[in-house]
Amino acid sequence: HTRFRNVTGVQTCALPICTTGWAGAYDYAGLAPNNDFVVIMTYGYGTGVPQSTAPFPWVSNSAAYAASQIPREKVVLGLAWYGYEWNLTAGGVRSLRYPDAIELAKRFNADVQYDGASQTSKFAYVNNGEKFEVWYEDARANDAKMDLVYTMGLAGAAGWRLGHEDPGALASFRSRLGFQTWYLAGIGRAHV
């Protein structure tokens, strides 16, 4: 830990949410003193049924739990920059980058809706007789969840995964978190 910090200057880790079963093995409070920042992976809610990968109530509750175990000034809220497409006819699910979701919506002239409860965009379409449903995170979804950084007094936000995002999400990071530390997977700590 000390040798690593001497080389990099900053010690961080990313932790899954303790409500996801296997994540309960992580000792949030025990890891906090050894890290400058802890990214809370508030995405990956589940793929069993069509739904948001980061429903707002779950993100909010998960962030509140993390902030009860880790000093708020160390908690970085992990935001999803992707979505999923479910084949409702044949079964199966696949992950989608934001540009892929938008391309599908345009190609099939889908009616994109915003689910207020989960704060996530979604649409459905039919292709060759098969029904599909897509849920994805866009800039609007990220903004709603990024509000938690302010209301909970968290250190900042992180995005997973660079290259998958709505371009508006990066603009929002710059404008809204410019004074705070933010983290992008693959780049590391950055300031705007």
C-alpha atoms as a PDB file:
ATOM      1  CA  HIS A   1       0.000   0.000   0.000  1.00  0.00           C
ATOM      2  CA  THR A   2       2.642   2.587   0.990  1.00  0.00           C
ATOM      3  CA  ARG A   3       5.026   1.612  -1.822  1.00  0.00           C
ATOM      4  CA  PHE A   4       2.219   1.839  -4.352  1.00  0.00           C
ATOM      5  CA  ARG A   5       1.101   5.239  -3.062  1.00  0.00           C
ATOM      6  CA  ASN A   6       4.698   6.508  -3.251  1.00  0.00           C
ATOM      7  CA  VAL A   7       4.781   5.578  -6.949  1.00  0.00           C
ATOM      8  CA  THR A   8       1.312   6.725  -8.013  1.00  0.00           C
ATOM      9  CA  GLY A   9       0.494   9.420  -5.492  1.00  0.00           C
ATOM     10  CA  VAL A  10      -3.080   8.207  -5.112  1.00  0.00           C
ATOM     11  CA  GLN A  11      -4.549   4.962  -3.844  1.00  0.00           C
ATOM     12  CA  THR A  12      -8.010   4.008  -5.137  1.00  0.00           C
ATOM     13  CA  CYS A  13     -10.135   0.921  -5.458  1.00  0.00           C
ATOM     14  CA  ALA A  14     -13.468   0.086  -7.033  1.00  0.00           C
ATOM     15  CA  LEU A  15     -15.959  -1.870  -4.954  1.00  0.00           C
ATOM     16  CA  PRO A  16     -19.144  -3.670  -5.943  1.00  0.00           C
ATOM     17  CA  ILE A  17     -22.331  -2.876  -4.101  1.00  0.00           C
ATOM     18  CA  CYS A  18     -22.834  -4.974  -0.986  1.00  0.00           C
ATOM     19  CA  THR A  19     -26.395  -5.800  -2.022  1.00  0.00           C
ATOM     20  CA  THR A  20     -25.207  -7.889  -4.993  1.00  0.00           C
ATOM     21  CA  GLY A  21     -24.661 -11.123  -3.056  1.00  0.00           C
ATOM     22  CA  TRP A  22     -20.995 -11.953  -3.645  1.00  0.00           C
ATOM     23  CA  ALA A  23     -20.041  -8.335  -2.879  1.00  0.00           C
ATOM     24  CA  GLY A  24     -20.863  -8.793   0.812  1.00  0.00           C
ATOM     25  CA  ALA A  25     -17.331 -10.077   1.341  1.00  0.00           C
ATOM     26  CA  TYR A  26     -15.948  -6.548   0.938  1.00  0.00           C
ATOM     27  CA  ASP A  27     -15.307  -4.668   4.165  1.00  0.00           C
ATOM     28  CA  TYR A  28     -16.064  -1.094   3.110  1.00  0.00           C
ATOM     29  CA  ALA A  29     -15.104   0.427   6.449  1.00  0.00           C
ATOM     30  CA  GLY A  30     -11.918  -1.645   6.617  1.00  0.00           C
ATOM     31  CA  LEU A  31     -10.809  -0.639   3.115  1.00  0.00           C
ATOM     32  CA  ALA A  32     -11.542   3.074   3.545  1.00  0.00           C
ATOM     33  CA  PRO A  33      -8.423   4.035   5.566  1.00  0.00           C
ATOM     34  CA  ASN A  34      -6.146   2.500   2.926  1.00  0.00           C
ATOM     35  CA  ASN A  35      -7.612   4.419  -0.010  1.00  0.00           C
ATOM     36  CA  ASP A  36      -7.765   8.062  -1.011  1.00  0.00           C
ATOM     37  CA  PHE A  37     -10.897   7.360  -3.070  1.00  0.00           C
ATOM     38  CA  VAL A  38     -13.282   4.416  -3.301  1.00  0.00           C
ATOM     39  CA  VAL A  39     -15.306   4.065  -6.493  1.00  0.00           C
ATOM     40  CA  ILE A  40     -18.661   2.489  -5.741  1.00  0.00           C
ATOM     41  CA  MET A  41     -19.792   0.445  -8.746  1.00  0.00           C
ATOM     42  CA  THR A  42     -23.445   1.493  -8.806  1.00  0.00           C
ATOM     43  CA  TYR A  43     -24.179  -0.348 -12.029  1.00  0.00           C
ATOM     44  CA  GLY A  44     -24.696  -3.955 -13.046  1.00  0.00           C
ATOM     45  CA  TYR A  45     -28.023  -4.290 -11.230  1.00  0.00           C
ATOM     46  CA  GLY A  46     -28.999  -7.393 -13.138  1.00  0.00           C
ATOM     47  CA  THR A  47     -29.899  -8.846 -16.508  1.00  0.00           C
ATOM     48  CA  GLY A  48     -32.520 -11.456 -15.596  1.00  0.00           C
ATOM     49  CA  VAL A  49     -35.363  -9.262 -16.861  1.00  0.00           C
ATOM     50  CA  PRO A  50     -35.445  -6.078 -18.955  1.00  0.00           C
ATOM     51  CA  GLN A  51     -34.594  -3.241 -16.598  1.00  0.00           C
ATOM     52  CA  SER A  52     -32.121  -0.496 -15.864  1.00  0.00           C
ATOM     53  CA  THR A  53     -28.536  -1.512 -15.155  1.00  0.00           C
ATOM     54  CA  ALA A  54     -28.534   1.297 -12.580  1.00  0.00           C
ATOM     55  CA  PRO A  55     -32.040   2.041 -11.262  1.00  0.00           C
ATOM     56  CA  PHE A  56     -32.063   5.299  -9.314  1.00  0.00           C
ATOM     57  CA  PRO A  57     -33.483   3.958  -6.024  1.00  0.00           C
ATOM     58  CA  TRP A  58     -30.815   1.209  -5.944  1.00  0.00           C
ATOM     59  CA  VAL A  59     -28.035   3.668  -6.847  1.00  0.00           C
ATOM     60  CA  SER A  60     -29.226   6.100  -4.161  1.00  0.00           C
ATOM     61  CA  ASN A  61     -29.529   3.419  -1.456  1.00  0.00           C
ATOM     62  CA  SER A  62     -26.167   1.929  -2.418  1.00  0.00           C
ATOM     63  CA  ALA A  63     -24.451   5.319  -2.273  1.00  0.00           C
ATOM     64  CA  ALA A  64     -26.042   6.045   1.109  1.00  0.00           C
ATOM     65  CA  TYR A  65     -24.823   2.715   2.454  1.00  0.00           C
ATOM     66  CA  ALA A  66     -21.295   3.329   1.126  1.00  0.00           C
ATOM     67  CA  ALA A  67     -21.276   6.811   2.673  1.00  0.00           C
ATOM     68  CA  SER A  68     -22.256   5.288   6.027  1.00  0.00           C
ATOM     69  CA  GLN A  69     -19.169   3.043   5.916  1.00  0.00           C
ATOM     70  CA  ILE A  70     -16.632   5.240   4.098  1.00  0.00           C
ATOM     71  CA  PRO A  71     -16.036   8.962   4.664  1.00  0.00           C
ATOM     72  CA  ARG A  72     -18.134  10.831   2.084  1.00  0.00           C
ATOM     73  CA  GLU A  73     -15.122  12.784   0.853  1.00  0.00           C
ATOM     74  CA  LYS A  74     -13.652   9.475  -0.352  1.00  0.00           C
ATOM     75  CA  VAL A  75     -16.759   8.031  -2.037  1.00  0.00           C
ATOM     76  CA  VAL A  76     -16.829   8.299  -5.824  1.00  0.00           C
ATOM     77  CA  LEU A  77     -20.155   7.356  -7.431  1.00  0.00           C
ATOM     78  CA  GLY A  78     -19.697   4.921 -10.322  1.00  0.00           C
ATOM     79  CA  LEU A  79     -22.016   5.677 -13.232  1.00  0.00           C
ATOM     80  CA  ALA A  80     -22.995   3.297 -16.015  1.00  0.00           C
ATOM     81  CA  TRP A  81     -22.233   4.321 -19.580  1.00  0.00           C
ATOM     82  CA  TYR A  82     -23.888   1.340 -21.235  1.00  0.00           C
ATOM     83  CA  GLY A  83     -27.107  -0.616 -21.465  1.00  0.00           C
ATOM     84  CA  TYR A  84     -28.598  -3.964 -22.433  1.00  0.00           C
ATOM     85  CA  GLU A  85     -30.760  -5.385 -25.184  1.00  0.00           C
ATOM     86  CA  TRP A  86     -33.077  -8.284 -24.340  1.00  0.00           C
ATOM     87  CA  ASN A  87     -34.479 -10.597 -27.006  1.00  0.00           C
ATOM     88  CA  LEU A  88     -37.967 -11.184 -25.640  1.00  0.00           C
ATOM     89  CA  THR A  89     -38.820 -13.816 -28.258  1.00  0.00           C
ATOM     90  CA  ALA A  90     -35.801 -16.129 -28.398  1.00  0.00           C
ATOM     91  CA  GLY A  91     -34.277 -15.188 -25.046  1.00  0.00           C
ATOM     92  CA  GLY A  92     -30.845 -13.810 -24.387  1.00  0.00           C
ATOM     93  CA  VAL A  93     -29.337 -10.486 -23.500  1.00  0.00           C
ATOM     94  CA  ARG A  94     -26.357  -8.525 -24.789  1.00  0.00           C
ATOM     95  CA  SER A  95     -24.623  -5.397 -23.570  1.00  0.00           C
ATOM     96  CA  LEU A  96     -24.732  -2.237 -25.667  1.00  0.00           C
ATOM     97  CA  ARG A  97     -22.648   0.900 -25.829  1.00  0.00           C
ATOM     98  CA  TYR A  98     -24.627   4.140 -25.953  1.00  0.00           C
ATOM     99  CA  PRO A  99     -23.886   4.624 -29.698  1.00  0.00           C
ATOM    100  CA  ASP A 100     -25.176   1.086 -30.394  1.00  0.00           C
ATOM    101  CA  ALA A 101     -28.423   1.769 -28.529  1.00  0.00           C
ATOM    102  CA  ILE A 102     -28.986   5.014 -30.421  1.00  0.00           C
ATOM    103  CA  GLU A 103     -28.270   3.330 -33.752  1.00  0.00           C
ATOM    104  CA  LEU A 104     -30.839   0.608 -32.998  1.00  0.00           C
ATOM    105  CA  ALA A 105     -33.461   3.163 -31.982  1.00  0.00           C
ATOM    106  CA  LYS A 106     -32.925   5.075 -35.229  1.00  0.00           C
ATOM    107  CA  ARG A 107     -32.786   1.986 -37.445  1.00  0.00           C
ATOM    108  CA  PHE A 108     -36.089   0.632 -36.098  1.00  0.00           C
ATOM    109  CA  ASN A 109     -37.719   4.039 -35.594  1.00  0.00           C
ATOM    110  CA  ALA A 110     -38.255   3.154 -31.941  1.00  0.00           C
ATOM    111  CA  ASP A 111     -40.090   5.403 -29.516  1.00  0.00           C
ATOM    112  CA  VAL A 112     -37.467   6.171 -26.852  1.00  0.00           C
ATOM    113  CA  GLN A 113     -39.045   6.674 -23.446  1.00  0.00           C
ATOM    114  CA  TYR A 114     -37.586   7.839 -20.166  1.00  0.00           C
ATOM    115  CA  ASP A 115     -38.486   5.726 -17.159  1.00  0.00           C
ATOM    116  CA  GLY A 116     -38.877   8.190 -14.294  1.00  0.00           C
ATOM    117  CA  ALA A 117     -38.705   5.576 -11.540  1.00  0.00           C
ATOM    118  CA  SER A 118     -35.305   4.218 -12.604  1.00  0.00           C
ATOM    119  CA  GLN A 119     -34.117   7.414 -14.321  1.00  0.00           C
ATOM    120  CA  THR A 120     -33.141   5.402 -17.411  1.00  0.00           C
ATOM    121  CA  SER A 121     -33.953   5.525 -21.132  1.00  0.00           C
ATOM    122  CA  LYS A 122     -35.596   2.565 -22.847  1.00  0.00           C
ATOM    123  CA  PHE A 123     -37.286   1.474 -26.050  1.00  0.00           C
ATOM    124  CA  ALA A 124     -38.704  -1.597 -27.743  1.00  0.00           C
ATOM    125  CA  TYR A 125     -38.613  -2.741 -31.344  1.00  0.00           C
ATOM    126  CA  VAL A 126     -39.399  -5.724 -33.570  1.00  0.00           C
ATOM    127  CA  ASN A 127     -36.914  -7.236 -36.030  1.00  0.00           C
ATOM    128  CA  ASN A 128     -37.786 -10.209 -38.245  1.00  0.00           C
ATOM    129  CA  GLY A 129     -40.732 -11.054 -36.012  1.00  0.00           C
ATOM    130  CA  GLU A 130     -38.645 -11.042 -32.825  1.00  0.00           C
ATOM    131  CA  LYS A 131     -39.376  -8.576 -30.031  1.00  0.00           C
ATOM    132  CA  PHE A 132     -36.542  -6.703 -28.318  1.00  0.00           C
ATOM    133  CA  GLU A 133     -36.344  -4.332 -25.357  1.00  0.00           C
ATOM    134  CA  VAL A 134     -33.418  -1.987 -24.719  1.00  0.00           C
ATOM    135  CA  TRP A 135     -32.552  -0.103 -21.534  1.00  0.00           C
ATOM    136  CA  TYR A 136     -29.524   2.211 -21.557  1.00  0.00           C
ATOM    137  CA  GLU A 137     -27.861   5.012 -19.659  1.00  0.00           C
ATOM    138  CA  ASP A 138     -27.612   8.370 -21.390  1.00  0.00           C
ATOM    139  CA  ALA A 139     -26.612  11.889 -20.304  1.00  0.00           C
ATOM    140  CA  ARG A 140     -30.056  12.510 -18.776  1.00  0.00           C
ATOM    141  CA  ALA A 141     -29.828   9.318 -16.714  1.00  0.00           C
ATOM    142  CA  ASN A 142     -26.277  10.183 -15.628  1.00  0.00           C
ATOM    143  CA  ASP A 143     -27.295  13.722 -14.644  1.00  0.00           C
ATOM    144  CA  ALA A 144     -30.084  12.412 -12.430  1.00  0.00           C
ATOM    145  CA  LYS A 145     -27.702  10.044 -10.677  1.00  0.00           C
ATOM    146  CA  MET A 146     -24.883  12.583 -10.578  1.00  0.00           C
ATOM    147  CA  ASP A 147     -27.144  14.810  -8.472  1.00  0.00           C
ATOM    148  CA  LEU A 148     -26.423  12.343  -5.655  1.00  0.00           C
ATOM    149  CA  VAL A 149     -22.803  13.551  -5.611  1.00  0.00           C
ATOM    150  CA  TYR A 150     -24.106  16.934  -4.477  1.00  0.00           C
ATOM    151  CA  THR A 151     -27.006  15.906  -2.276  1.00  0.00           C
ATOM    152  CA  MET A 152     -24.878  13.346  -0.420  1.00  0.00           C
ATOM    153  CA  GLY A 153     -21.659  15.360  -0.401  1.00  0.00           C
ATOM    154  CA  LEU A 154     -19.626  12.689  -2.205  1.00  0.00           C
ATOM    155  CA  ALA A 155     -16.125  13.144  -3.624  1.00  0.00           C
ATOM    156  CA  GLY A 156     -17.191  12.906  -7.244  1.00  0.00           C
ATOM    157  CA  ALA A 157     -18.246  10.483  -9.951  1.00  0.00           C
ATOM    158  CA  ALA A 158     -16.660   7.866 -12.190  1.00  0.00           C
ATOM    159  CA  GLY A 159     -17.816   6.483 -15.513  1.00  0.00           C
ATOM    160  CA  TRP A 160     -17.758   2.882 -16.696  1.00  0.00           C
ATOM    161  CA  ARG A 161     -16.636   2.449 -19.452  1.00  0.00           C
ATOM    162  CA  LEU A 162     -14.830   5.077 -21.512  1.00  0.00           C
ATOM    163  CA  GLY A 163     -15.834   4.844 -25.158  1.00  0.00           C
ATOM    164  CA  HIS A 164     -19.310   3.554 -24.306  1.00  0.00           C
ATOM    165  CA  GLU A 165     -20.788   6.865 -23.131  1.00  0.00           C
ATOM    166  CA  ASP A 166     -23.253   9.378 -24.457  1.00  0.00           C
ATOM    167  CA  PRO A 167     -21.043  12.357 -25.457  1.00  0.00           C
ATOM    168  CA  GLY A 168     -23.319  14.469 -23.267  1.00  0.00           C
ATOM    169  CA  ALA A 169     -22.144  12.496 -20.220  1.00  0.00           C
ATOM    170  CA  LEU A 170     -18.575  13.749 -20.669  1.00  0.00           C
ATOM    171  CA  ALA A 171     -19.823  17.302 -21.116  1.00  0.00           C
ATOM    172  CA  SER A 172     -21.786  16.925 -17.899  1.00  0.00           C
ATOM    173  CA  PHE A 173     -18.720  15.606 -16.061  1.00  0.00           C
ATOM    174  CA  ARG A 174     -16.757  18.647 -17.215  1.00  0.00           C
ATOM    175  CA  SER A 175     -19.403  21.211 -16.346  1.00  0.00           C
ATOM    176  CA  ARG A 176     -20.748  19.701 -13.151  1.00  0.00           C
ATOM    177  CA  LEU A 177     -17.669  18.111 -11.612  1.00  0.00           C
ATOM    178  CA  GLY A 178     -14.991  20.480 -12.843  1.00  0.00           C
ATOM    179  CA  PHE A 179     -14.120  21.492  -9.302  1.00  0.00           C
ATOM    180  CA  GLN A 180     -14.149  17.957  -7.946  1.00  0.00           C
ATOM    181  CA  THR A 181     -12.066  14.890  -8.542  1.00  0.00           C
ATOM    182  CA  TRP A 182     -13.517  12.541 -11.101  1.00  0.00           C
ATOM    183  CA  TYR A 183     -12.285   9.261 -12.427  1.00  0.00           C
ATOM    184  CA  LEU A 184     -12.556   7.564 -15.787  1.00  0.00           C
ATOM    185  CA  ALA A 185     -11.706   3.899 -16.083  1.00  0.00           C
ATOM    186  CA  GLY A 186      -8.596   3.523 -18.183  1.00  0.00           C
ATOM    187  CA  ILE A 187      -7.388   7.093 -17.614  1.00  0.00           C
ATOM    188  CA  GLY A 188      -7.237   7.417 -13.871  1.00  0.00           C
ATOM    189  CA  ARG A 189      -7.708  10.479 -11.743  1.00  0.00           C
ATOM    190  CA  ALA A 190      -8.302  13.682 -13.638  1.00  0.00           C
ATOM    191  CA  HIS A 191      -9.303  17.254 -13.119  1.00  0.00           C
ATOM    192  CA  VAL A 192     -11.061  19.385 -15.710  1.00  0.00           C
END
